[in-house]
Amino acid sequence: SRLKTSLGFTRAHDFHSTRRSLITCLERAGVPELEAGRAVGHKVKTITYGLYSSGSTVEKLRPIINRAYYDIPQHLFE
């Protein structure tokens, strides 16, 4: 929390705001909801994957997360 504040972020920026941003980026990148949900740690509520599967692997989830693209204006880096 102190690090976040020292970087200029407010209480409006929390874990869930970061998660919402990532999920929005994944949706805009065309990532199917099941894959996006798995990538952010949501439980699957189906019998096949939710009950019987042990889940995905990091190797499988990495390319999904890498599809997230944050459109940050260039002037913020100058």
C-alpha atoms as a PDB file:
ATOM      1  CA  SER A   1       0.000   0.000   0.000  1.00  0.00           C
ATOM      2  CA  ARG A   2       2.835   2.426   0.795  1.00  0.00           C
ATOM      3  CA  LEU A   3       4.553   1.623  -2.483  1.00  0.00           C
ATOM      4  CA  LYS A   4       1.324   2.233  -4.392  1.00  0.00           C
ATOM      5  CA  THR A   5       0.835   5.593  -2.642  1.00  0.00           C
ATOM      6  CA  SER A   6       4.453   6.615  -3.229  1.00  0.00           C
ATOM      7  CA  LEU A   7       3.928   6.009  -6.955  1.00  0.00           C
ATOM      8  CA  GLY A   8       1.000   8.461  -6.963  1.00  0.00           C
ATOM      9  CA  PHE A   9      -1.887   6.005  -6.897  1.00  0.00           C
ATOM     10  CA  THR A  10      -4.942   6.621  -4.701  1.00  0.00           C
ATOM     11  CA  ARG A  11      -7.402   4.392  -2.863  1.00  0.00           C
ATOM     12  CA  ALA A  12      -9.323   4.125  -6.142  1.00  0.00           C
ATOM     13  CA  HIS A  13      -6.495   1.925  -7.444  1.00  0.00           C
ATOM     14  CA  ASP A  14      -6.676  -1.407  -5.700  1.00  0.00           C
ATOM     15  CA  PHE A  15      -6.303  -5.077  -6.541  1.00  0.00           C
ATOM     16  CA  HIS A  16      -9.761  -5.216  -8.069  1.00  0.00           C
ATOM     17  CA  SER A  17      -9.244  -2.158 -10.283  1.00  0.00           C
ATOM     18  CA  THR A  18      -6.095  -3.817 -11.631  1.00  0.00           C
ATOM     19  CA  ARG A  19      -7.997  -7.058 -12.192  1.00  0.00           C
ATOM     20  CA  ARG A  20     -10.833  -5.214 -13.964  1.00  0.00           C
ATOM     21  CA  SER A  21      -8.322  -3.500 -16.262  1.00  0.00           C
ATOM     22  CA  LEU A  22      -6.648  -6.794 -17.137  1.00  0.00           C
ATOM     23  CA  ILE A  23      -9.965  -8.521 -17.835  1.00  0.00           C
ATOM     24  CA  THR A  24     -11.053  -5.615 -20.048  1.00  0.00           C
ATOM     25  CA  CYS A  25      -7.800  -5.889 -22.019  1.00  0.00           C
ATOM     26  CA  LEU A  26      -8.263  -9.641 -22.424  1.00  0.00           C
ATOM     27  CA  GLU A  27     -11.823  -9.186 -23.686  1.00  0.00           C
ATOM     28  CA  ARG A  28     -10.733  -6.499 -26.151  1.00  0.00           C
ATOM     29  CA  ALA A  29      -7.988  -8.845 -27.372  1.00  0.00           C
ATOM     30  CA  GLY A  30     -10.623 -11.469 -28.185  1.00  0.00           C
ATOM     31  CA  VAL A  31      -9.635 -13.940 -25.460  1.00  0.00           C
ATOM     32  CA  PRO A  32     -12.506 -16.388 -24.820  1.00  0.00           C
ATOM     33  CA  GLU A  33     -14.138 -15.913 -21.410  1.00  0.00           C
ATOM     34  CA  LEU A  34     -13.185 -19.375 -20.119  1.00  0.00           C
ATOM     35  CA  GLU A  35      -9.495 -18.749 -20.875  1.00  0.00           C
ATOM     36  CA  ALA A  36      -9.581 -15.236 -19.409  1.00  0.00           C
ATOM     37  CA  GLY A  37     -11.336 -16.512 -16.289  1.00  0.00           C
ATOM     38  CA  ARG A  38      -8.767 -19.223 -15.764  1.00  0.00           C
ATOM     39  CA  ALA A  39      -5.938 -16.724 -16.297  1.00  0.00           C
ATOM     40  CA  VAL A  40      -7.230 -14.453 -13.519  1.00  0.00           C
ATOM     41  CA  GLY A  41      -7.997 -17.292 -11.132  1.00  0.00           C
ATOM     42  CA  HIS A  42     -11.772 -17.583 -11.412  1.00  0.00           C
ATOM     43  CA  LYS A  43     -13.317 -20.931 -10.640  1.00  0.00           C
ATOM     44  CA  VAL A  44     -15.005 -22.716 -13.522  1.00  0.00           C
ATOM     45  CA  LYS A  45     -18.566 -23.754 -12.695  1.00  0.00           C
ATOM     46  CA  THR A  46     -19.021 -26.627 -15.103  1.00  0.00           C
ATOM     47  CA  ILE A  47     -18.952 -30.319 -14.285  1.00  0.00           C
ATOM     48  CA  THR A  48     -16.239 -31.167 -16.804  1.00  0.00           C
ATOM     49  CA  TYR A  49     -13.674 -28.445 -16.064  1.00  0.00           C
ATOM     50  CA  GLY A  50     -14.930 -27.143 -12.738  1.00  0.00           C
ATOM     51  CA  LEU A  51     -15.283 -30.462 -10.961  1.00  0.00           C
ATOM     52  CA  TYR A  52     -12.950 -32.886 -12.697  1.00  0.00           C
ATOM     53  CA  SER A  53     -10.108 -30.740 -14.058  1.00  0.00           C
ATOM     54  CA  SER A  54      -7.057 -29.771 -12.002  1.00  0.00           C
ATOM     55  CA  GLY A  55      -6.804 -26.550 -13.985  1.00  0.00           C
ATOM     56  CA  SER A  56      -4.448 -25.163 -16.539  1.00  0.00           C
ATOM     57  CA  THR A  57      -0.683 -24.807 -16.407  1.00  0.00           C
ATOM     58  CA  VAL A  58       1.398 -21.637 -16.270  1.00  0.00           C
ATOM     59  CA  GLU A  59       2.763 -22.499 -19.713  1.00  0.00           C
ATOM     60  CA  LYS A  60      -0.796 -22.568 -21.084  1.00  0.00           C
ATOM     61  CA  LEU A  61      -1.873 -19.371 -19.289  1.00  0.00           C
ATOM     62  CA  ARG A  62       1.193 -17.245 -20.135  1.00  0.00           C
ATOM     63  CA  PRO A  63       0.266 -16.662 -23.812  1.00  0.00           C
ATOM     64  CA  ILE A  64      -3.254 -15.689 -22.741  1.00  0.00           C
ATOM     65  CA  ILE A  65      -1.972 -13.038 -20.318  1.00  0.00           C
ATOM     66  CA  ASN A  66       0.526 -11.848 -22.923  1.00  0.00           C
ATOM     67  CA  ARG A  67      -2.379 -10.954 -25.210  1.00  0.00           C
ATOM     68  CA  ALA A  68      -3.383  -8.136 -22.852  1.00  0.00           C
ATOM     69  CA  TYR A  69      -2.450  -4.788 -24.333  1.00  0.00           C
ATOM     70  CA  TYR A  70      -2.580  -1.547 -22.396  1.00  0.00           C
ATOM     71  CA  ASP A  71      -2.935   1.432 -24.698  1.00  0.00           C
ATOM     72  CA  ILE A  72      -0.788   3.900 -22.771  1.00  0.00           C
ATOM     73  CA  PRO A  73      -0.216   7.282 -24.427  1.00  0.00           C
ATOM     74  CA  GLN A  74       3.423   7.770 -25.435  1.00  0.00           C
ATOM     75  CA  HIS A  75       3.666  11.187 -23.760  1.00  0.00           C
ATOM     76  CA  LEU A  76       3.488   9.487 -20.367  1.00  0.00           C
ATOM     77  CA  PHE A  77       6.915   7.990 -21.030  1.00  0.00           C
ATOM     78  CA  GLU A  78       8.612  11.273 -21.896  1.00  0.00           C
END
